[in-house]
């Protein structure tokens, strides 16, 4: 399925803004992304296996907050990363 990658994480994907990945759930999709682009999952998932506070994941433009959210091969996943600073 298509996965849109935010600018701050594109260093993991060779600057690709859209990549392909597979998974029956959001969690499995992120594991597949990490297999294809090592290290990217850690930037999105914390040590307690939850989505980091500054990451938002959307499936077909609907926000999801759980890694066990089911996916279909036809779904489109968008990942957003909030930027902060002062």
PDB file of N, CA and C in Angstrom:
ATOM      1  N   UNK A   1       0.833  -1.175   0.000  1.00  0.00           N
ATOM      2  CA  UNK A   1       0.000   0.000   0.000  1.00  0.00           C
ATOM      3  C   UNK A   1       0.882   1.243   0.000  1.00  0.00           C
ATOM      4  N   UNK A   2       0.312   2.363  -0.362  1.00  0.00           N
ATOM      5  CA  UNK A   2       1.052   3.614  -0.396  1.00  0.00           C
ATOM      6  C   UNK A   2       1.174   4.195   1.009  1.00  0.00           C
ATOM      7  N   UNK A   3       2.380   4.643   1.336  1.00  0.00           N
ATOM      8  CA  UNK A   3       2.637   5.280   2.624  1.00  0.00           C
ATOM      9  C   UNK A   3       3.338   6.605   2.352  1.00  0.00           C
ATOM     10  N   UNK A   4       2.743   7.686   2.826  1.00  0.00           N
ATOM     11  CA  UNK A   4       3.323   9.021   2.682  1.00  0.00           C
ATOM     12  C   UNK A   4       4.206   9.298   3.894  1.00  0.00           C
ATOM     13  N   UNK A   5       5.444   9.708   3.631  1.00  0.00           N
ATOM     14  CA  UNK A   5       6.450   9.914   4.672  1.00  0.00           C
ATOM     15  C   UNK A   5       6.658  11.419   4.884  1.00  0.00           C
ATOM     16  N   UNK A   6       6.651  11.891   6.138  1.00  0.00           N
ATOM     17  CA  UNK A   6       6.876  13.315   6.383  1.00  0.00           C
ATOM     18  C   UNK A   6       8.335  13.704   6.126  1.00  0.00           C
ATOM     19  N   UNK A   7       8.547  14.956   5.808  1.00  0.00           N
ATOM     20  CA  UNK A   7       9.893  15.461   5.491  1.00  0.00           C
ATOM     21  C   UNK A   7      10.949  15.082   6.524  1.00  0.00           C
ATOM     22  N   UNK A   8      10.686  15.219   7.842  1.00  0.00           N
ATOM     23  CA  UNK A   8      11.741  14.896   8.822  1.00  0.00           C
ATOM     24  C   UNK A   8      12.178  13.435   8.828  1.00  0.00           C
ATOM     25  N   UNK A   9      11.373  12.536   8.266  1.00  0.00           N
ATOM     26  CA  UNK A   9      11.727  11.111   8.257  1.00  0.00           C
ATOM     27  C   UNK A   9      12.228  10.631   6.896  1.00  0.00           C
ATOM     28  N   UNK A  10      12.295  11.514   5.938  1.00  0.00           N
ATOM     29  CA  UNK A  10      12.701  11.101   4.590  1.00  0.00           C
ATOM     30  C   UNK A  10      14.173  10.742   4.478  1.00  0.00           C
ATOM     31  N   UNK A  11      14.973  11.103   5.464  1.00  0.00           N
ATOM     32  CA  UNK A  11      16.378  10.685   5.435  1.00  0.00           C
ATOM     33  C   UNK A  11      16.478   9.162   5.512  1.00  0.00           C
ATOM     34  N   UNK A  12      15.468   8.509   6.088  1.00  0.00           N
ATOM     35  CA  UNK A  12      15.450   7.048   6.167  1.00  0.00           C
ATOM     36  C   UNK A  12      15.048   6.410   4.836  1.00  0.00           C
ATOM     37  N   UNK A  13      14.288   7.137   4.024  1.00  0.00           N
ATOM     38  CA  UNK A  13      13.748   6.573   2.779  1.00  0.00           C
ATOM     39  C   UNK A  13      14.487   7.064   1.538  1.00  0.00           C
ATOM     40  N   UNK A  14      15.661   7.631   1.720  1.00  0.00           N
ATOM     41  CA  UNK A  14      16.384   8.155   0.572  1.00  0.00           C
ATOM     42  C   UNK A  14      15.672   9.340  -0.047  1.00  0.00           C
ATOM     43  N   UNK A  15      15.013  10.133   0.795  1.00  0.00           N
ATOM     44  CA  UNK A  15      14.265  11.332   0.423  1.00  0.00           C
ATOM     45  C   UNK A  15      12.981  11.044  -0.352  1.00  0.00           C
ATOM     46  N   UNK A  16      12.552   9.801  -0.375  1.00  0.00           N
ATOM     47  CA  UNK A  16      11.281   9.470  -1.024  1.00  0.00           C
ATOM     48  C   UNK A  16      10.130   9.942  -0.145  1.00  0.00           C
ATOM     49  N   UNK A  17       9.169  10.641  -0.746  1.00  0.00           N
ATOM     50  CA  UNK A  17       8.021  11.107   0.032  1.00  0.00           C
ATOM     51  C   UNK A  17       6.901  10.078   0.069  1.00  0.00           C
ATOM     52  N   UNK A  18       6.926   9.123  -0.865  1.00  0.00           N
ATOM     53  CA  UNK A  18       5.940   8.044  -0.879  1.00  0.00           C
ATOM     54  C   UNK A  18       6.667   6.726  -1.094  1.00  0.00           C
ATOM     55  N   UNK A  19       6.319   5.746  -0.272  1.00  0.00           N
ATOM     56  CA  UNK A  19       6.923   4.418  -0.386  1.00  0.00           C
ATOM     57  C   UNK A  19       5.819   3.368  -0.338  1.00  0.00           C
ATOM     58  N   UNK A  20       6.182   2.143  -0.639  1.00  0.00           N
ATOM     59  CA  UNK A  20       5.255   1.018  -0.545  1.00  0.00           C
ATOM     60  C   UNK A  20       5.610   0.190   0.690  1.00  0.00           C
ATOM     61  N   UNK A  21       4.597  -0.324   1.363  1.00  0.00           N
ATOM     62  CA  UNK A  21       4.805  -1.211   2.509  1.00  0.00           C
ATOM     63  C   UNK A  21       3.588  -2.116   2.631  1.00  0.00           C
ATOM     64  N   UNK A  22       3.735  -3.164   3.432  1.00  0.00           N
ATOM     65  CA  UNK A  22       2.661  -4.135   3.619  1.00  0.00           C
ATOM     66  C   UNK A  22       2.392  -4.356   5.098  1.00  0.00           C
ATOM     67  N   UNK A  23       1.185  -4.779   5.394  1.00  0.00           N
ATOM     68  CA  UNK A  23       0.836  -5.129   6.761  1.00  0.00           C
ATOM     69  C   UNK A  23      -0.663  -5.223   6.916  1.00  0.00           C
ATOM     70  N   UNK A  24      -1.113  -6.140   7.765  1.00  0.00           N
ATOM     71  CA  UNK A  24      -2.543  -6.297   8.030  1.00  0.00           C
ATOM     72  C   UNK A  24      -3.035  -5.291   9.066  1.00  0.00           C
ATOM     73  N   UNK A  25      -2.087  -4.690   9.812  1.00  0.00           N
ATOM     74  CA  UNK A  25      -2.407  -3.661  10.806  1.00  0.00           C
ATOM     75  C   UNK A  25      -1.391  -2.520  10.674  1.00  0.00           C
ATOM     76  N   UNK A  26      -1.682  -1.414  11.321  1.00  0.00           N
ATOM     77  CA  UNK A  26      -0.735  -0.299  11.324  1.00  0.00           C
ATOM     78  C   UNK A  26       0.597  -0.741  11.924  1.00  0.00           C
ATOM     79  N   UNK A  27       0.556  -1.511  13.003  1.00  0.00           N
ATOM     80  CA  UNK A  27       1.787  -1.994  13.632  1.00  0.00           C
ATOM     81  C   UNK A  27       2.616  -2.848  12.688  1.00  0.00           C
ATOM     82  N   UNK A  28       1.971  -3.762  11.969  1.00  0.00           N
ATOM     83  CA  UNK A  28       2.686  -4.606  11.010  1.00  0.00           C
ATOM     84  C   UNK A  28       3.254  -3.774   9.867  1.00  0.00           C
ATOM     85  N   UNK A  29       2.513  -2.768   9.452  1.00  0.00           N
ATOM     86  CA  UNK A  29       2.998  -1.863   8.403  1.00  0.00           C
ATOM     87  C   UNK A  29       4.282  -1.168   8.847  1.00  0.00           C
ATOM     88  N   UNK A  30       4.310  -0.693  10.094  1.00  0.00           N
ATOM     89  CA  UNK A  30       5.497   0.002  10.592  1.00  0.00           C
ATOM     90  C   UNK A  30       6.685  -0.949  10.732  1.00  0.00           C
ATOM     91  N   UNK A  31       6.427  -2.204  11.069  1.00  0.00           N
ATOM     92  CA  UNK A  31       7.496  -3.206  11.115  1.00  0.00           C
ATOM     93  C   UNK A  31       8.052  -3.421   9.708  1.00  0.00           C
ATOM     94  N   UNK A  32       7.167  -3.499   8.712  1.00  0.00           N
ATOM     95  CA  UNK A  32       7.616  -3.664   7.328  1.00  0.00           C
ATOM     96  C   UNK A  32       8.404  -2.440   6.864  1.00  0.00           C
ATOM     97  N   UNK A  33       7.943  -1.251   7.225  1.00  0.00           N
ATOM     98  CA  UNK A  33       8.706  -0.041   6.886  1.00  0.00           C
ATOM     99  C   UNK A  33      10.104  -0.098   7.484  1.00  0.00           C
ATOM    100  N   UNK A  34      10.190  -0.563   8.724  1.00  0.00           N
ATOM    101  CA  UNK A  34      11.492  -0.635   9.393  1.00  0.00           C
ATOM    102  C   UNK A  34      12.386  -1.692   8.746  1.00  0.00           C
ATOM    103  N   UNK A  35      11.802  -2.741   8.241  1.00  0.00           N
ATOM    104  CA  UNK A  35      12.582  -3.758   7.525  1.00  0.00           C
ATOM    105  C   UNK A  35      13.160  -3.162   6.242  1.00  0.00           C
ATOM    106  N   UNK A  36      12.368  -2.354   5.569  1.00  0.00           N
ATOM    107  CA  UNK A  36      12.793  -1.728   4.312  1.00  0.00           C
ATOM    108  C   UNK A  36      13.690  -0.519   4.546  1.00  0.00           C
ATOM    109  N   UNK A  37      13.427   0.209   5.633  1.00  0.00           N
ATOM    110  CA  UNK A  37      14.143   1.446   5.956  1.00  0.00           C
ATOM    111  C   UNK A  37      14.545   1.407   7.440  1.00  0.00           C
ATOM    112  N   UNK A  38      15.629   0.690   7.751  1.00  0.00           N
ATOM    113  CA  UNK A  38      16.025   0.478   9.152  1.00  0.00           C
ATOM    114  C   UNK A  38      16.113   1.768   9.973  1.00  0.00           C
ATOM    115  N   UNK A  39      15.500   1.712  11.163  1.00  0.00           N
ATOM    116  CA  UNK A  39      15.545   2.822  12.103  1.00  0.00           C
ATOM    117  C   UNK A  39      14.332   3.730  12.075  1.00  0.00           C
ATOM    118  N   UNK A  40      13.518   3.653  11.032  1.00  0.00           N
ATOM    119  CA  UNK A  40      12.388   4.586  10.906  1.00  0.00           C
ATOM    120  C   UNK A  40      11.309   4.332  11.956  1.00  0.00           C
ATOM    121  N   UNK A  41      11.078   3.073  12.317  1.00  0.00           N
ATOM    122  CA  UNK A  41      10.029   2.756  13.286  1.00  0.00           C
ATOM    123  C   UNK A  41      10.306   3.390  14.643  1.00  0.00           C
ATOM    124  N   UNK A  42      11.558   3.371  15.068  1.00  0.00           N
ATOM    125  CA  UNK A  42      11.901   3.943  16.369  1.00  0.00           C
ATOM    126  C   UNK A  42      11.545   5.427  16.448  1.00  0.00           C
ATOM    127  N   UNK A  43      11.571   6.118  15.345  1.00  0.00           N
ATOM    128  CA  UNK A  43      11.218   7.539  15.324  1.00  0.00           C
ATOM    129  C   UNK A  43       9.724   7.771  15.473  1.00  0.00           C
ATOM    130  N   UNK A  44       8.936   6.701  15.276  1.00  0.00           N
ATOM    131  CA  UNK A  44       7.477   6.826  15.348  1.00  0.00           C
ATOM    132  C   UNK A  44       6.867   6.124  16.553  1.00  0.00           C
ATOM    133  N   UNK A  45       7.551   5.089  17.065  1.00  0.00           N
ATOM    134  CA  UNK A  45       7.013   4.259  18.147  1.00  0.00           C
ATOM    135  C   UNK A  45       7.932   4.338  19.358  1.00  0.00           C
ATOM    136  N   UNK A  46       7.339   4.542  20.538  1.00  0.00           N
ATOM    137  CA  UNK A  46       8.143   4.680  21.754  1.00  0.00           C
ATOM    138  C   UNK A  46       8.488   3.319  22.361  1.00  0.00           C
ATOM    139  N   UNK A  47       9.184   3.353  23.491  1.00  0.00           N
ATOM    140  CA  UNK A  47       9.655   2.141  24.156  1.00  0.00           C
ATOM    141  C   UNK A  47       8.524   1.302  24.739  1.00  0.00           C
ATOM    142  N   UNK A  48       7.344   1.885  24.924  1.00  0.00           N
ATOM    143  CA  UNK A  48       6.180   1.153  25.423  1.00  0.00           C
ATOM    144  C   UNK A  48       5.306   0.641  24.271  1.00  0.00           C
ATOM    145  N   UNK A  49       5.821   0.704  23.058  1.00  0.00           N
ATOM    146  CA  UNK A  49       5.148   0.246  21.846  1.00  0.00           C
ATOM    147  C   UNK A  49       3.885   1.052  21.550  1.00  0.00           C
ATOM    148  N   UNK A  50       3.961   2.353  21.808  1.00  0.00           N
ATOM    149  CA  UNK A  50       2.869   3.264  21.474  1.00  0.00           C
ATOM    150  C   UNK A  50       3.339   4.293  20.469  1.00  0.00           C
ATOM    151  N   UNK A  51       2.395   4.896  19.787  1.00  0.00           N
ATOM    152  CA  UNK A  51       2.729   5.944  18.817  1.00  0.00           C
ATOM    153  C   UNK A  51       3.226   7.168  19.582  1.00  0.00           C
ATOM    154  N   UNK A  52       4.388   7.668  19.181  1.00  0.00           N
ATOM    155  CA  UNK A  52       4.967   8.833  19.851  1.00  0.00           C
ATOM    156  C   UNK A  52       4.009  10.021  19.770  1.00  0.00           C
ATOM    157  N   UNK A  53       4.074  10.903  20.777  1.00  0.00           N
ATOM    158  CA  UNK A  53       3.144  12.026  20.879  1.00  0.00           C
ATOM    159  C   UNK A  53       3.205  12.970  19.689  1.00  0.00           C
ATOM    160  N   UNK A  54       4.361  13.111  19.081  1.00  0.00           N
ATOM    161  CA  UNK A  54       4.501  14.060  17.977  1.00  0.00           C
ATOM    162  C   UNK A  54       4.215  13.436  16.604  1.00  0.00           C
ATOM    163  N   UNK A  55       3.777  12.183  16.590  1.00  0.00           N
ATOM    164  CA  UNK A  55       3.467  11.485  15.342  1.00  0.00           C
ATOM    165  C   UNK A  55       1.957  11.314  15.219  1.00  0.00           C
ATOM    166  N   UNK A  56       1.439  11.570  14.036  1.00  0.00           N
ATOM    167  CA  UNK A  56       0.029  11.314  13.731  1.00  0.00           C
ATOM    168  C   UNK A  56      -0.013  10.420  12.504  1.00  0.00           C
ATOM    169  N   UNK A  57      -0.845   9.391  12.571  1.00  0.00           N
ATOM    170  CA  UNK A  57      -0.997   8.454  11.468  1.00  0.00           C
ATOM    171  C   UNK A  57      -2.451   8.493  11.011  1.00  0.00           C
ATOM    172  N   UNK A  58      -2.620   8.591   9.701  1.00  0.00           N
ATOM    173  CA  UNK A  58      -3.940   8.634   9.097  1.00  0.00           C
ATOM    174  C   UNK A  58      -4.061   7.482   8.099  1.00  0.00           C
ATOM    175  N   UNK A  59      -5.208   6.850   8.090  1.00  0.00           N
ATOM    176  CA  UNK A  59      -5.513   5.817   7.105  1.00  0.00           C
ATOM    177  C   UNK A  59      -6.708   6.325   6.306  1.00  0.00           C
ATOM    178  N   UNK A  60      -6.493   6.499   5.024  1.00  0.00           N
ATOM    179  CA  UNK A  60      -7.539   7.057   4.151  1.00  0.00           C
ATOM    180  C   UNK A  60      -8.077   8.374   4.712  1.00  0.00           C
ATOM    181  N   UNK A  61      -7.162   9.184   5.200  1.00  0.00           N
ATOM    182  CA  UNK A  61      -7.443  10.533   5.738  1.00  0.00           C
ATOM    183  C   UNK A  61      -8.194  10.543   7.061  1.00  0.00           C
ATOM    184  N   UNK A  62      -8.291   9.379   7.695  1.00  0.00           N
ATOM    185  CA  UNK A  62      -8.924   9.283   9.015  1.00  0.00           C
ATOM    186  C   UNK A  62      -7.836   9.014  10.053  1.00  0.00           C
ATOM    187  N   UNK A  63      -7.802   9.782  11.152  1.00  0.00           N
ATOM    188  CA  UNK A  63      -6.756   9.563  12.159  1.00  0.00           C
ATOM    189  C   UNK A  63      -6.926   8.228  12.876  1.00  0.00           C
ATOM    190  N   UNK A  64      -5.795   7.582  13.144  1.00  0.00           N
ATOM    191  CA  UNK A  64      -5.798   6.347  13.926  1.00  0.00           C
ATOM    192  C   UNK A  64      -4.827   6.526  15.088  1.00  0.00           C
ATOM    193  N   UNK A  65      -5.123   5.901  16.195  1.00  0.00           N
ATOM    194  CA  UNK A  65      -4.279   6.037  17.369  1.00  0.00           C
ATOM    195  C   UNK A  65      -3.791   4.717  17.930  1.00  0.00           C
ATOM    196  N   UNK A  66      -4.102   3.638  17.213  1.00  0.00           N
ATOM    197  CA  UNK A  66      -3.743   2.317  17.722  1.00  0.00           C
ATOM    198  C   UNK A  66      -2.972   1.535  16.666  1.00  0.00           C
ATOM    199  N   UNK A  67      -1.988   0.777  17.140  1.00  0.00           N
ATOM    200  CA  UNK A  67      -1.187  -0.036  16.228  1.00  0.00           C
ATOM    201  C   UNK A  67      -1.953  -1.244  15.712  1.00  0.00           C
ATOM    202  N   UNK A  68      -3.028  -1.646  16.400  1.00  0.00           N
ATOM    203  CA  UNK A  68      -3.793  -2.804  15.948  1.00  0.00           C
ATOM    204  C   UNK A  68      -4.916  -2.437  14.977  1.00  0.00           C
ATOM    205  N   UNK A  69      -4.916  -1.189  14.504  1.00  0.00           N
ATOM    206  CA  UNK A  69      -5.898  -0.764  13.506  1.00  0.00           C
ATOM    207  C   UNK A  69      -5.706  -1.586  12.233  1.00  0.00           C
ATOM    208  N   UNK A  70      -6.766  -2.267  11.751  1.00  0.00           N
ATOM    209  CA  UNK A  70      -6.621  -3.106  10.564  1.00  0.00           C
ATOM    210  C   UNK A  70      -6.433  -2.279   9.293  1.00  0.00           C
ATOM    211  N   UNK A  71      -5.724  -2.858   8.337  1.00  0.00           N
ATOM    212  CA  UNK A  71      -5.468  -2.221   7.050  1.00  0.00           C
ATOM    213  C   UNK A  71      -5.865  -3.155   5.911  1.00  0.00           C
ATOM    214  N   UNK A  72      -6.210  -2.553   4.793  1.00  0.00           N
ATOM    215  CA  UNK A  72      -6.451  -3.279   3.551  1.00  0.00           C
ATOM    216  C   UNK A  72      -5.354  -2.894   2.566  1.00  0.00           C
ATOM    217  N   UNK A  73      -5.086  -3.764   1.607  1.00  0.00           N
ATOM    218  CA  UNK A  73      -4.037  -3.484   0.617  1.00  0.00           C
ATOM    219  C   UNK A  73      -4.327  -2.217  -0.174  1.00  0.00           C
ATOM    220  N   UNK A  74      -5.582  -1.834  -0.276  1.00  0.00           N
ATOM    221  CA  UNK A  74      -5.961  -0.639  -1.037  1.00  0.00           C
ATOM    222  C   UNK A  74      -5.893   0.650  -0.220  1.00  0.00           C
ATOM    223  N   UNK A  75      -5.608   0.563   1.078  1.00  0.00           N
ATOM    224  CA  UNK A  75      -5.549   1.747   1.941  1.00  0.00           C
ATOM    225  C   UNK A  75      -4.353   2.626   1.601  1.00  0.00           C
ATOM    226  N   UNK A  76      -4.487   3.895   1.958  1.00  0.00           N
ATOM    227  CA  UNK A  76      -3.393   4.845   1.840  1.00  0.00           C
ATOM    228  C   UNK A  76      -3.097   5.370   3.240  1.00  0.00           C
ATOM    229  N   UNK A  77      -1.836   5.305   3.631  1.00  0.00           N
ATOM    230  CA  UNK A  77      -1.421   5.707   4.970  1.00  0.00           C
ATOM    231  C   UNK A  77      -0.578   6.973   4.879  1.00  0.00           C
ATOM    232  N   UNK A  78      -0.912   7.939   5.709  1.00  0.00           N
ATOM    233  CA  UNK A  78      -0.160   9.179   5.764  1.00  0.00           C
ATOM    234  C   UNK A  78       0.398   9.329   7.177  1.00  0.00           C
ATOM    235  N   UNK A  79       1.677   9.639   7.252  1.00  0.00           N
ATOM    236  CA  UNK A  79       2.338   9.850   8.542  1.00  0.00           C
ATOM    237  C   UNK A  79       2.724  11.317   8.619  1.00  0.00           C
ATOM    238  N   UNK A  80       2.360  11.946   9.725  1.00  0.00           N
ATOM    239  CA  UNK A  80       2.708  13.346   9.963  1.00  0.00           C
ATOM    240  C   UNK A  80       3.558  13.435  11.221  1.00  0.00           C
ATOM    241  N   UNK A  81       4.488  14.350  11.217  1.00  0.00           N
ATOM    242  CA  UNK A  81       5.327  14.588  12.390  1.00  0.00           C
ATOM    243  C   UNK A  81       5.242  16.055  12.734  1.00  0.00           C
ATOM    244  N   UNK A  82       4.826  16.332  13.974  1.00  0.00           N
ATOM    245  CA  UNK A  82       4.758  17.708  14.444  1.00  0.00           C
ATOM    246  C   UNK A  82       6.163  18.249  14.651  1.00  0.00           C
ATOM    247  N   UNK A  83       6.344  19.492  14.332  1.00  0.00           N
ATOM    248  CA  UNK A  83       7.630  20.160  14.563  1.00  0.00           C
ATOM    249  C   UNK A  83       7.448  21.097  15.742  1.00  0.00           C
ATOM    250  N   UNK A  84       8.467  21.182  16.560  1.00  0.00           N
ATOM    251  CA  UNK A  84       8.397  22.080  17.710  1.00  0.00           C
ATOM    252  C   UNK A  84       9.733  22.767  17.889  1.00  0.00           C
ATOM    253  N   UNK A  85       9.713  23.739  18.685  1.00  0.00           N
ATOM    254  CA  UNK A  85      10.946  24.479  18.950  1.00  0.00           C
ATOM    255  C   UNK A  85      10.612  25.861  19.472  1.00  0.00           C
ATOM    256  N   UNK A  86      11.633  26.618  19.702  1.00  0.00           N
ATOM    257  CA  UNK A  86      11.346  27.935  20.254  1.00  0.00           C
ATOM    258  C   UNK A  86      12.198  29.002  19.665  1.00  0.00           C
TER     259      UNK A  86
END
